[in-house]
């Protein structure tokens, strides 16, 4: 069996720290879309757009 790993790119255009943006994209990739975009108060704080292997994190506004 051959396993190929592709590179992903994360563009953080939000006010979040880079670490937080990476963690949110990881949540999205794991299938947890709600936690990826909402804070602990259930307020949507970011949008994450995917185009190919590039994920762009922006503020909700």
PDB file of N, CA and C in Angstrom:
ATOM      1  N   UNK A   1       0.837  -1.175   0.000  1.00  0.00           N
ATOM      2  CA  UNK A   1       0.000   0.000   0.000  1.00  0.00           C
ATOM      3  C   UNK A   1       0.885   1.242   0.000  1.00  0.00           C
ATOM      4  N   UNK A   2       0.529   2.178  -0.853  1.00  0.00           N
ATOM      5  CA  UNK A   2       1.282   3.417  -0.937  1.00  0.00           C
ATOM      6  C   UNK A   2       0.431   4.544  -0.354  1.00  0.00           C
ATOM      7  N   UNK A   3       1.032   5.340   0.504  1.00  0.00           N
ATOM      8  CA  UNK A   3       0.331   6.458   1.119  1.00  0.00           C
ATOM      9  C   UNK A   3       1.045   7.743   0.724  1.00  0.00           C
ATOM     10  N   UNK A   4       0.307   8.643   0.105  1.00  0.00           N
ATOM     11  CA  UNK A   4       0.890   9.905  -0.318  1.00  0.00           C
ATOM     12  C   UNK A   4       0.297  11.026   0.528  1.00  0.00           C
ATOM     13  N   UNK A   5       1.152  11.900   1.029  1.00  0.00           N
ATOM     14  CA  UNK A   5       0.716  13.009   1.861  1.00  0.00           C
ATOM     15  C   UNK A   5       0.897  14.299   1.062  1.00  0.00           C
ATOM     16  N   UNK A   6      -0.165  15.080   0.987  1.00  0.00           N
ATOM     17  CA  UNK A   6      -0.093  16.357   0.290  1.00  0.00           C
ATOM     18  C   UNK A   6       0.157  17.477   1.276  1.00  0.00           C
ATOM     19  N   UNK A   7       0.642  18.582   0.773  1.00  0.00           N
ATOM     20  CA  UNK A   7       0.890  19.766   1.581  1.00  0.00           C
ATOM     21  C   UNK A   7      -0.348  20.641   1.587  1.00  0.00           C
ATOM     22  N   UNK A   8      -0.681  21.181   2.749  1.00  0.00           N
ATOM     23  CA  UNK A   8      -1.767  22.152   2.817  1.00  0.00           C
ATOM     24  C   UNK A   8      -1.177  23.521   3.145  1.00  0.00           C
ATOM     25  N   UNK A   9      -1.886  24.558   2.730  1.00  0.00           N
ATOM     26  CA  UNK A   9      -1.482  25.926   3.017  1.00  0.00           C
ATOM     27  C   UNK A   9      -2.607  26.587   3.792  1.00  0.00           C
ATOM     28  N   UNK A  10      -2.246  27.281   4.864  1.00  0.00           N
ATOM     29  CA  UNK A  10      -3.233  28.001   5.651  1.00  0.00           C
ATOM     30  C   UNK A  10      -2.879  29.478   5.604  1.00  0.00           C
ATOM     31  N   UNK A  11      -3.821  30.285   5.109  1.00  0.00           N
ATOM     32  CA  UNK A  11      -3.657  31.735   5.077  1.00  0.00           C
ATOM     33  C   UNK A  11      -4.491  32.309   6.214  1.00  0.00           C
ATOM     34  N   UNK A  12      -3.839  32.906   7.181  1.00  0.00           N
ATOM     35  CA  UNK A  12      -4.538  33.494   8.312  1.00  0.00           C
ATOM     36  C   UNK A  12      -4.701  34.992   8.081  1.00  0.00           C
ATOM     37  N   UNK A  13      -5.867  35.385   7.608  1.00  0.00           N
ATOM     38  CA  UNK A  13      -6.165  36.798   7.396  1.00  0.00           C
ATOM     39  C   UNK A  13      -7.076  37.335   8.499  1.00  0.00           C
ATOM     40  N   UNK A  14      -7.216  36.589   9.563  1.00  0.00           N
ATOM     41  CA  UNK A  14      -8.078  36.970  10.684  1.00  0.00           C
ATOM     42  C   UNK A  14      -7.256  37.633  11.782  1.00  0.00           C
ATOM     43  N   UNK A  15      -7.957  38.032  12.842  1.00  0.00           N
ATOM     44  CA  UNK A  15      -7.279  38.608  13.999  1.00  0.00           C
ATOM     45  C   UNK A  15      -6.818  37.526  14.982  1.00  0.00           C
ATOM     46  N   UNK A  16      -7.104  36.259  14.678  1.00  0.00           N
ATOM     47  CA  UNK A  16      -6.655  35.155  15.526  1.00  0.00           C
ATOM     48  C   UNK A  16      -5.149  34.976  15.406  1.00  0.00           C
ATOM     49  N   UNK A  17      -4.560  34.375  16.433  1.00  0.00           N
ATOM     50  CA  UNK A  17      -3.147  34.027  16.341  1.00  0.00           C
ATOM     51  C   UNK A  17      -2.984  32.916  15.302  1.00  0.00           C
ATOM     52  N   UNK A  18      -1.794  32.777  14.764  1.00  0.00           N
ATOM     53  CA  UNK A  18      -1.550  31.725  13.771  1.00  0.00           C
ATOM     54  C   UNK A  18      -1.817  30.349  14.363  1.00  0.00           C
ATOM     55  N   UNK A  19      -1.441  30.160  15.621  1.00  0.00           N
ATOM     56  CA  UNK A  19      -1.661  28.880  16.298  1.00  0.00           C
ATOM     57  C   UNK A  19      -3.150  28.540  16.344  1.00  0.00           C
ATOM     58  N   UNK A  20      -3.964  29.519  16.686  1.00  0.00           N
ATOM     59  CA  UNK A  20      -5.406  29.308  16.772  1.00  0.00           C
ATOM     60  C   UNK A  20      -6.009  29.023  15.398  1.00  0.00           C
ATOM     61  N   UNK A  21      -5.530  29.715  14.372  1.00  0.00           N
ATOM     62  CA  UNK A  21      -6.032  29.486  13.016  1.00  0.00           C
ATOM     63  C   UNK A  21      -5.707  28.068  12.555  1.00  0.00           C
ATOM     64  N   UNK A  22      -4.509  27.588  12.850  1.00  0.00           N
ATOM     65  CA  UNK A  22      -4.127  26.221  12.481  1.00  0.00           C
ATOM     66  C   UNK A  22      -5.006  25.213  13.210  1.00  0.00           C
ATOM     67  N   UNK A  23      -5.261  25.452  14.496  1.00  0.00           N
ATOM     68  CA  UNK A  23      -6.101  24.543  15.277  1.00  0.00           C
ATOM     69  C   UNK A  23      -7.527  24.511  14.727  1.00  0.00           C
ATOM     70  N   UNK A  24      -8.042  25.638  14.302  1.00  0.00           N
ATOM     71  CA  UNK A  24      -9.399  25.687  13.750  1.00  0.00           C
ATOM     72  C   UNK A  24      -9.483  24.974  12.405  1.00  0.00           C
ATOM     73  N   UNK A  25      -8.464  25.113  11.579  1.00  0.00           N
ATOM     74  CA  UNK A  25      -8.448  24.385  10.304  1.00  0.00           C
ATOM     75  C   UNK A  25      -8.345  22.888  10.576  1.00  0.00           C
ATOM     76  N   UNK A  26      -7.567  22.499  11.572  1.00  0.00           N
ATOM     77  CA  UNK A  26      -7.468  21.078  11.932  1.00  0.00           C
ATOM     78  C   UNK A  26      -8.826  20.540  12.369  1.00  0.00           C
ATOM     79  N   UNK A  27      -9.571  21.324  13.139  1.00  0.00           N
ATOM     80  CA  UNK A  27     -10.930  20.913  13.551  1.00  0.00           C
ATOM     81  C   UNK A  27     -11.821  20.742  12.336  1.00  0.00           C
ATOM     82  N   UNK A  28     -11.732  21.670  11.407  1.00  0.00           N
ATOM     83  CA  UNK A  28     -12.534  21.585  10.182  1.00  0.00           C
ATOM     84  C   UNK A  28     -12.184  20.326   9.397  1.00  0.00           C
ATOM     85  N   UNK A  29     -10.912  20.039   9.258  1.00  0.00           N
ATOM     86  CA  UNK A  29     -10.471  18.858   8.517  1.00  0.00           C
ATOM     87  C   UNK A  29     -10.900  17.571   9.212  1.00  0.00           C
ATOM     88  N   UNK A  30     -11.042  17.611  10.538  1.00  0.00           N
ATOM     89  CA  UNK A  30     -11.475  16.437  11.298  1.00  0.00           C
ATOM     90  C   UNK A  30     -12.990  16.268  11.261  1.00  0.00           C
ATOM     91  N   UNK A  31     -13.682  17.229  10.653  1.00  0.00           N
ATOM     92  CA  UNK A  31     -15.126  17.118  10.500  1.00  0.00           C
ATOM     93  C   UNK A  31     -15.950  17.917  11.488  1.00  0.00           C
ATOM     94  N   UNK A  32     -15.309  18.659  12.376  1.00  0.00           N
ATOM     95  CA  UNK A  32     -16.026  19.455  13.374  1.00  0.00           C
ATOM     96  C   UNK A  32     -16.143  20.901  12.882  1.00  0.00           C
ATOM     97  N   UNK A  33     -17.062  21.131  11.967  1.00  0.00           N
ATOM     98  CA  UNK A  33     -17.188  22.453  11.350  1.00  0.00           C
ATOM     99  C   UNK A  33     -17.676  23.514  12.339  1.00  0.00           C
ATOM    100  N   UNK A  34     -18.491  23.115  13.304  1.00  0.00           N
ATOM    101  CA  UNK A  34     -19.012  24.088  14.267  1.00  0.00           C
ATOM    102  C   UNK A  34     -17.899  24.638  15.163  1.00  0.00           C
ATOM    103  N   UNK A  35     -17.101  23.768  15.745  1.00  0.00           N
ATOM    104  CA  UNK A  35     -16.011  24.219  16.616  1.00  0.00           C
ATOM    105  C   UNK A  35     -14.942  24.977  15.842  1.00  0.00           C
ATOM    106  N   UNK A  36     -14.822  24.693  14.570  1.00  0.00           N
ATOM    107  CA  UNK A  36     -13.823  25.378  13.752  1.00  0.00           C
ATOM    108  C   UNK A  36     -14.150  26.853  13.566  1.00  0.00           C
ATOM    109  N   UNK A  37     -15.426  27.202  13.588  1.00  0.00           N
ATOM    110  CA  UNK A  37     -15.815  28.572  13.270  1.00  0.00           C
ATOM    111  C   UNK A  37     -16.467  29.338  14.420  1.00  0.00           C
ATOM    112  N   UNK A  38     -16.803  28.668  15.512  1.00  0.00           N
ATOM    113  CA  UNK A  38     -17.504  29.305  16.622  1.00  0.00           C
ATOM    114  C   UNK A  38     -16.656  29.313  17.893  1.00  0.00           C
ATOM    115  N   UNK A  39     -16.918  30.297  18.762  1.00  0.00           N
ATOM    116  CA  UNK A  39     -16.205  30.337  20.039  1.00  0.00           C
ATOM    117  C   UNK A  39     -17.013  29.591  21.114  1.00  0.00           C
ATOM    118  N   UNK A  40     -16.549  29.635  22.347  1.00  0.00           N
ATOM    119  CA  UNK A  40     -17.184  28.886  23.431  1.00  0.00           C
ATOM    120  C   UNK A  40     -18.581  29.401  23.767  1.00  0.00           C
ATOM    121  N   UNK A  41     -18.918  30.622  23.328  1.00  0.00           N
ATOM    122  CA  UNK A  41     -20.256  31.173  23.574  1.00  0.00           C
ATOM    123  C   UNK A  41     -21.218  30.856  22.433  1.00  0.00           C
ATOM    124  N   UNK A  42     -20.776  30.032  21.489  1.00  0.00           N
ATOM    125  CA  UNK A  42     -21.573  29.641  20.319  1.00  0.00           C
ATOM    126  C   UNK A  42     -21.729  30.776  19.311  1.00  0.00           C
ATOM    127  N   UNK A  43     -20.826  31.755  19.350  1.00  0.00           N
ATOM    128  CA  UNK A  43     -20.850  32.880  18.426  1.00  0.00           C
ATOM    129  C   UNK A  43     -19.878  32.586  17.286  1.00  0.00           C
ATOM    130  N   UNK A  44     -20.338  32.740  16.059  1.00  0.00           N
ATOM    131  CA  UNK A  44     -19.460  32.525  14.915  1.00  0.00           C
ATOM    132  C   UNK A  44     -18.447  33.662  14.842  1.00  0.00           C
ATOM    133  N   UNK A  45     -17.169  33.312  14.847  1.00  0.00           N
ATOM    134  CA  UNK A  45     -16.136  34.343  14.874  1.00  0.00           C
ATOM    135  C   UNK A  45     -15.265  34.352  13.619  1.00  0.00           C
ATOM    136  N   UNK A  46     -15.184  33.223  12.917  1.00  0.00           N
ATOM    137  CA  UNK A  46     -14.361  33.174  11.702  1.00  0.00           C
ATOM    138  C   UNK A  46     -15.075  32.418  10.593  1.00  0.00           C
ATOM    139  N   UNK A  47     -14.631  32.656   9.396  1.00  0.00           N
ATOM    140  CA  UNK A  47     -15.037  31.895   8.214  1.00  0.00           C
ATOM    141  C   UNK A  47     -13.785  31.188   7.714  1.00  0.00           C
ATOM    142  N   UNK A  48     -13.963  29.965   7.248  1.00  0.00           N
ATOM    143  CA  UNK A  48     -12.836  29.224   6.679  1.00  0.00           C
ATOM    144  C   UNK A  48     -13.245  28.783   5.281  1.00  0.00           C
ATOM    145  N   UNK A  49     -12.503  29.261   4.300  1.00  0.00           N
ATOM    146  CA  UNK A  49     -12.770  28.899   2.911  1.00  0.00           C
ATOM    147  C   UNK A  49     -11.687  27.935   2.450  1.00  0.00           C
ATOM    148  N   UNK A  50     -12.092  26.932   1.687  1.00  0.00           N
ATOM    149  CA  UNK A  50     -11.142  25.966   1.159  1.00  0.00           C
ATOM    150  C   UNK A  50     -11.153  26.034  -0.354  1.00  0.00           C
ATOM    151  N   UNK A  51      -9.978  26.095  -0.924  1.00  0.00           N
ATOM    152  CA  UNK A  51      -9.818  26.039  -2.374  1.00  0.00           C
ATOM    153  C   UNK A  51      -8.626  25.128  -2.642  1.00  0.00           C
ATOM    154  N   UNK A  52      -8.927  23.928  -3.103  1.00  0.00           N
ATOM    155  CA  UNK A  52      -7.865  22.935  -3.277  1.00  0.00           C
ATOM    156  C   UNK A  52      -7.275  22.580  -1.933  1.00  0.00           C
ATOM    157  N   UNK A  53      -5.959  22.714  -1.804  1.00  0.00           N
ATOM    158  CA  UNK A  53      -5.270  22.420  -0.548  1.00  0.00           C
ATOM    159  C   UNK A  53      -4.979  23.679   0.258  1.00  0.00           C
ATOM    160  N   UNK A  54      -5.648  24.786  -0.075  1.00  0.00           N
ATOM    161  CA  UNK A  54      -5.438  26.045   0.630  1.00  0.00           C
ATOM    162  C   UNK A  54      -6.670  26.394   1.449  1.00  0.00           C
ATOM    163  N   UNK A  55      -6.451  26.690   2.724  1.00  0.00           N
ATOM    164  CA  UNK A  55      -7.510  27.105   3.628  1.00  0.00           C
ATOM    165  C   UNK A  55      -7.258  28.559   4.007  1.00  0.00           C
ATOM    166  N   UNK A  56      -8.274  29.407   3.855  1.00  0.00           N
ATOM    167  CA  UNK A  56      -8.147  30.823   4.202  1.00  0.00           C
ATOM    168  C   UNK A  56      -9.074  31.119   5.373  1.00  0.00           C
ATOM    169  N   UNK A  57      -8.483  31.618   6.454  1.00  0.00           N
ATOM    170  CA  UNK A  57      -9.225  31.941   7.672  1.00  0.00           C
ATOM    171  C   UNK A  57      -9.392  33.458   7.717  1.00  0.00           C
ATOM    172  N   UNK A  58     -10.664  33.918   7.782  1.00  0.00           N
ATOM    173  CA  UNK A  58     -10.956  35.345   7.859  1.00  0.00           C
ATOM    174  C   UNK A  58     -11.930  35.590   9.005  1.00  0.00           C
ATOM    175  N   UNK A  59     -11.943  36.828   9.495  1.00  0.00           N
ATOM    176  CA  UNK A  59     -12.927  37.204  10.505  1.00  0.00           C
ATOM    177  C   UNK A  59     -14.310  37.138   9.903  1.00  0.00           C
ATOM    178  N   UNK A  60     -15.316  36.895  10.726  1.00  0.00           N
ATOM    179  CA  UNK A  60     -16.688  36.727  10.254  1.00  0.00           C
ATOM    180  C   UNK A  60     -17.189  37.961   9.535  1.00  0.00           C
ATOM    181  N   UNK A  61     -16.812  39.119   9.966  1.00  0.00           N
ATOM    182  CA  UNK A  61     -17.328  40.373   9.424  1.00  0.00           C
ATOM    183  C   UNK A  61     -17.236  40.452   7.965  1.00  0.00           C
TER     184      UNK A  61
END
